[in-house]
Amino acid sequence: MPYDLCMDEVSVLYRPVGKGELNLIEESGYRRFPPRLPHQPIFYPVLNEVYACEIAQTWNTKDEQSGFAGYVTKFHVKTAFIQQFAARQVGDAQHRELWIPAESLEEMNRNLVGKIEVIAEFFGPHTLKSQP
């Protein structure tokens, strides 16, 4: 294991992001998520890869603010931290996510274990050819 904790002490979460957010994650050395913008009061990690891919492919690739690109990140966080947030179902049974208040994001970053990984990439028809 790439960290010193037992697997039952960490949880795996996913986050679909656009190109701008991915750039900020990259700038951190893949060690933290960027602060939320004033109009974004909640950080929404999702509980499964299928749902994260669905968001990245369906929404991010059609969104100019996302650079018409969607990326799925996977990360490990200490279970003791995320247990304070109830999982919410926001659609189909697989559409489950956590709602972490923006003011708790820095604490969540301190509870990350290892690096944030990019595990999937999706590109819309308007994506600039210079993007990876």
C-alpha atoms as a PDB file:
ATOM      1  CA  MET A   1       0.000   0.000   0.000  1.00  0.00           C
ATOM      2  CA  PRO A   2       1.263   3.511  -0.761  1.00  0.00           C
ATOM      3  CA  TYR A   3       0.342   4.732   2.719  1.00  0.00           C
ATOM      4  CA  ASP A   4       0.648   3.554   6.304  1.00  0.00           C
ATOM      5  CA  LEU A   5      -3.030   3.034   7.104  1.00  0.00           C
ATOM      6  CA  CYS A   6      -5.169  -0.071   6.901  1.00  0.00           C
ATOM      7  CA  MET A   7      -7.651  -0.021   4.029  1.00  0.00           C
ATOM      8  CA  ASP A   8     -10.625   0.116   6.406  1.00  0.00           C
ATOM      9  CA  GLU A   9      -9.294   3.451   7.720  1.00  0.00           C
ATOM     10  CA  VAL A  10      -9.494   5.184   4.326  1.00  0.00           C
ATOM     11  CA  SER A  11     -12.300   5.552   1.828  1.00  0.00           C
ATOM     12  CA  VAL A  12     -12.112   5.963  -1.934  1.00  0.00           C
ATOM     13  CA  LEU A  13     -13.976   8.880  -3.472  1.00  0.00           C
ATOM     14  CA  TYR A  14     -14.218  10.288  -6.996  1.00  0.00           C
ATOM     15  CA  ARG A  15     -14.604  13.787  -8.338  1.00  0.00           C
ATOM     16  CA  PRO A  16     -15.410  14.778 -11.907  1.00  0.00           C
ATOM     17  CA  VAL A  17     -13.627  18.021 -12.814  1.00  0.00           C
ATOM     18  CA  GLY A  18     -13.143  20.287 -15.804  1.00  0.00           C
ATOM     19  CA  LYS A  19      -9.858  21.495 -17.263  1.00  0.00           C
ATOM     20  CA  GLY A  20      -9.505  24.551 -14.992  1.00  0.00           C
ATOM     21  CA  GLU A  21      -9.986  22.609 -11.775  1.00  0.00           C
ATOM     22  CA  LEU A  22      -7.636  19.897 -13.009  1.00  0.00           C
ATOM     23  CA  ASN A  23      -4.955  22.537 -13.669  1.00  0.00           C
ATOM     24  CA  LEU A  24      -5.245  23.733 -10.056  1.00  0.00           C
ATOM     25  CA  ILE A  25      -5.039  20.153  -8.748  1.00  0.00           C
ATOM     26  CA  GLU A  26      -1.938  19.621 -10.888  1.00  0.00           C
ATOM     27  CA  GLU A  27      -0.377  22.833  -9.495  1.00  0.00           C
ATOM     28  CA  SER A  28      -0.756  21.367  -5.996  1.00  0.00           C
ATOM     29  CA  GLY A  29       1.257  18.306  -7.022  1.00  0.00           C
ATOM     30  CA  TYR A  30      -2.013  16.313  -7.027  1.00  0.00           C
ATOM     31  CA  ARG A  31      -2.206  16.763  -3.250  1.00  0.00           C
ATOM     32  CA  ARG A  32      -5.258  19.014  -2.767  1.00  0.00           C
ATOM     33  CA  PHE A  33      -8.465  20.271  -4.267  1.00  0.00           C
ATOM     34  CA  PRO A  34      -8.687  24.035  -4.869  1.00  0.00           C
ATOM     35  CA  PRO A  35     -10.893  26.274  -2.723  1.00  0.00           C
ATOM     36  CA  ARG A  36     -14.480  26.647  -3.821  1.00  0.00           C
ATOM     37  CA  LEU A  37     -15.547  29.845  -5.558  1.00  0.00           C
ATOM     38  CA  PRO A  38     -17.992  32.148  -3.731  1.00  0.00           C
ATOM     39  CA  HIS A  39     -20.946  30.751  -5.722  1.00  0.00           C
ATOM     40  CA  GLN A  40     -19.911  27.151  -4.872  1.00  0.00           C
ATOM     41  CA  PRO A  41     -20.819  26.561  -1.202  1.00  0.00           C
ATOM     42  CA  ILE A  42     -20.438  22.769  -1.363  1.00  0.00           C
ATOM     43  CA  PHE A  43     -17.741  20.347  -2.531  1.00  0.00           C
ATOM     44  CA  TYR A  44     -19.371  17.253  -4.073  1.00  0.00           C
ATOM     45  CA  PRO A  45     -17.221  14.108  -4.226  1.00  0.00           C
ATOM     46  CA  VAL A  46     -19.109  11.088  -5.526  1.00  0.00           C
ATOM     47  CA  LEU A  47     -19.085   7.562  -4.175  1.00  0.00           C
ATOM     48  CA  ASN A  48     -18.504   5.542  -7.328  1.00  0.00           C
ATOM     49  CA  GLU A  49     -16.537   5.694 -10.542  1.00  0.00           C
ATOM     50  CA  VAL A  50     -19.542   5.040 -12.809  1.00  0.00           C
ATOM     51  CA  TYR A  51     -21.359   8.141 -11.564  1.00  0.00           C
ATOM     52  CA  ALA A  52     -18.189  10.261 -11.776  1.00  0.00           C
ATOM     53  CA  CYS A  53     -17.662   9.169 -15.392  1.00  0.00           C
ATOM     54  CA  GLU A  54     -21.287   9.918 -16.203  1.00  0.00           C
ATOM     55  CA  ILE A  55     -20.934  13.491 -14.925  1.00  0.00           C
ATOM     56  CA  ALA A  56     -17.575  14.080 -16.610  1.00  0.00           C
ATOM     57  CA  GLN A  57     -18.766  12.739 -19.957  1.00  0.00           C
ATOM     58  CA  THR A  58     -22.310  14.111 -19.959  1.00  0.00           C
ATOM     59  CA  TRP A  59     -21.836  17.528 -18.355  1.00  0.00           C
ATOM     60  CA  ASN A  60     -18.206  18.643 -18.430  1.00  0.00           C
ATOM     61  CA  THR A  61     -17.689  17.930 -22.143  1.00  0.00           C
ATOM     62  CA  LYS A  62     -20.575  20.280 -22.991  1.00  0.00           C
ATOM     63  CA  ASP A  63     -19.509  23.056 -20.619  1.00  0.00           C
ATOM     64  CA  GLU A  64     -17.324  25.922 -21.823  1.00  0.00           C
ATOM     65  CA  GLN A  65     -16.249  26.678 -18.213  1.00  0.00           C
ATOM     66  CA  SER A  66     -14.870  23.104 -18.049  1.00  0.00           C
ATOM     67  CA  GLY A  67     -12.941  23.558 -21.281  1.00  0.00           C
ATOM     68  CA  PHE A  68     -15.330  21.073 -22.942  1.00  0.00           C
ATOM     69  CA  ALA A  69     -13.344  18.372 -21.157  1.00  0.00           C
ATOM     70  CA  GLY A  70     -14.172  16.113 -18.243  1.00  0.00           C
ATOM     71  CA  TYR A  71     -11.705  14.303 -16.031  1.00  0.00           C
ATOM     72  CA  VAL A  72     -12.442  11.785 -13.305  1.00  0.00           C
ATOM     73  CA  THR A  73     -10.250  12.003 -10.254  1.00  0.00           C
ATOM     74  CA  LYS A  74      -9.916   9.266  -7.651  1.00  0.00           C
ATOM     75  CA  PHE A  75      -8.627   9.935  -4.170  1.00  0.00           C
ATOM     76  CA  HIS A  76      -8.325   8.368  -0.737  1.00  0.00           C
ATOM     77  CA  VAL A  77      -9.465  10.203   2.370  1.00  0.00           C
ATOM     78  CA  LYS A  78      -9.470   9.214   6.019  1.00  0.00           C
ATOM     79  CA  THR A  79     -12.799   7.560   6.771  1.00  0.00           C
ATOM     80  CA  ALA A  80     -12.975   9.197  10.197  1.00  0.00           C
ATOM     81  CA  PHE A  81     -13.176  12.588   8.477  1.00  0.00           C
ATOM     82  CA  ILE A  82     -15.858  11.795   5.896  1.00  0.00           C
ATOM     83  CA  GLN A  83     -18.094   9.918   8.338  1.00  0.00           C
ATOM     84  CA  GLN A  84     -19.448  13.270   9.505  1.00  0.00           C
ATOM     85  CA  PHE A  85     -21.102  13.780   6.104  1.00  0.00           C
ATOM     86  CA  ALA A  86     -24.143  11.740   5.119  1.00  0.00           C
ATOM     87  CA  ALA A  87     -24.157  10.144   1.679  1.00  0.00           C
ATOM     88  CA  ARG A  88     -26.951  11.591  -0.438  1.00  0.00           C
ATOM     89  CA  GLN A  89     -28.727   9.915  -3.316  1.00  0.00           C
ATOM     90  CA  VAL A  90     -29.434  12.527  -5.992  1.00  0.00           C
ATOM     91  CA  GLY A  91     -31.012  10.424  -8.726  1.00  0.00           C
ATOM     92  CA  ASP A  92     -30.639   6.773  -9.635  1.00  0.00           C
ATOM     93  CA  ALA A  93     -29.316   4.341  -7.027  1.00  0.00           C
ATOM     94  CA  GLN A  94     -25.731   4.857  -8.268  1.00  0.00           C
ATOM     95  CA  HIS A  95     -26.005   8.670  -8.026  1.00  0.00           C
ATOM     96  CA  ARG A  96     -24.570   9.035  -4.531  1.00  0.00           C
ATOM     97  CA  GLU A  97     -22.374  11.834  -3.307  1.00  0.00           C
ATOM     98  CA  LEU A  98     -21.187  13.632  -0.203  1.00  0.00           C
ATOM     99  CA  TRP A  99     -21.994  17.267   0.419  1.00  0.00           C
ATOM    100  CA  ILE A 100     -18.974  18.776   2.128  1.00  0.00           C
ATOM    101  CA  PRO A 101     -19.367  22.477   3.006  1.00  0.00           C
ATOM    102  CA  ALA A 102     -16.787  24.716   1.328  1.00  0.00           C
ATOM    103  CA  GLU A 103     -15.449  25.758   4.728  1.00  0.00           C
ATOM    104  CA  SER A 104     -14.543  22.084   5.414  1.00  0.00           C
ATOM    105  CA  LEU A 105     -12.614  21.576   2.171  1.00  0.00           C
ATOM    106  CA  GLU A 106      -9.235  22.563   3.630  1.00  0.00           C
ATOM    107  CA  GLU A 107      -9.747  20.066   6.444  1.00  0.00           C
ATOM    108  CA  MET A 108     -10.646  17.420   3.869  1.00  0.00           C
ATOM    109  CA  ASN A 109      -7.428  18.235   1.986  1.00  0.00           C
ATOM    110  CA  ARG A 110      -5.487  17.626   5.214  1.00  0.00           C
ATOM    111  CA  ASN A 111      -7.195  14.221   5.466  1.00  0.00           C
ATOM    112  CA  LEU A 112      -6.261  13.083   1.961  1.00  0.00           C
ATOM    113  CA  VAL A 113      -4.041  10.014   1.880  1.00  0.00           C
ATOM    114  CA  GLY A 114      -1.670   9.867  -1.080  1.00  0.00           C
ATOM    115  CA  LYS A 115      -2.116  11.731  -4.338  1.00  0.00           C
ATOM    116  CA  ILE A 116      -5.212  12.546  -6.357  1.00  0.00           C
ATOM    117  CA  GLU A 117      -5.232  10.387  -9.503  1.00  0.00           C
ATOM    118  CA  VAL A 118      -6.789  11.102 -12.909  1.00  0.00           C
ATOM    119  CA  ILE A 119      -8.414   7.842 -13.985  1.00  0.00           C
ATOM    120  CA  ALA A 120     -10.541   8.885 -16.985  1.00  0.00           C
ATOM    121  CA  GLU A 121     -10.686  11.680 -19.561  1.00  0.00           C
ATOM    122  CA  PHE A 122     -13.542  12.737 -21.832  1.00  0.00           C
ATOM    123  CA  PHE A 123     -13.495  15.403 -24.547  1.00  0.00           C
ATOM    124  CA  GLY A 124     -16.359  17.206 -26.266  1.00  0.00           C
ATOM    125  CA  PRO A 125     -16.462  18.274 -29.907  1.00  0.00           C
ATOM    126  CA  HIS A 126     -15.368  21.814 -28.985  1.00  0.00           C
ATOM    127  CA  THR A 127     -12.260  20.760 -27.048  1.00  0.00           C
ATOM    128  CA  LEU A 128      -9.117  22.543 -28.186  1.00  0.00           C
ATOM    129  CA  LYS A 129      -6.741  20.146 -29.919  1.00  0.00           C
ATOM    130  CA  SER A 130      -3.859  21.326 -27.713  1.00  0.00           C
ATOM    131  CA  GLN A 131      -5.454  19.788 -24.604  1.00  0.00           C
ATOM    132  CA  PRO A 132      -4.276  16.311 -23.547  1.00  0.00           C
END
